[in-house]
Amino acid sequence: MDGIHDMGGMHGFGRVEREEDEPVFHHEWEKRAFGISLQVADSVGFVDDHLRRSIERVPADTYLRVTYYELWMRSIEAILEEKGVLTIAEIDQRVEELKRGEGNG
């Protein structure tokens, strides 16, 4: 069964436009997301297939709305929860603490 992640080449979605000299990362946080993925893969143990499987489970409306690295981060969160390392609530709590500047030092 095809999912939203299989939409490449589907009729009606138009061409995939490529940026000339497209950077690997468009924003600083994307570099951190990439680094987090490497660290989690090494410490928790997952491979690209796990990341892809998790990304393929993202609801279609979310998949079309978020960026490439946002999909990565959602996938990593799901893997951490699936492996019993952290819950989504614990991740959300830590994100809120970081937003308030807690625990940065």
Foldseek 3Di string as FASTA:
>chain_A
DDALVPCVPPPPPDDDDDDVVDDPDPDPVLVVLVVVLVVCCVPVNDDPVQLVVQLRPPHNVVNVVDDPSVSSVSSSQVVCVVSPNDHVVRVVVVVVCVVVVHPPD
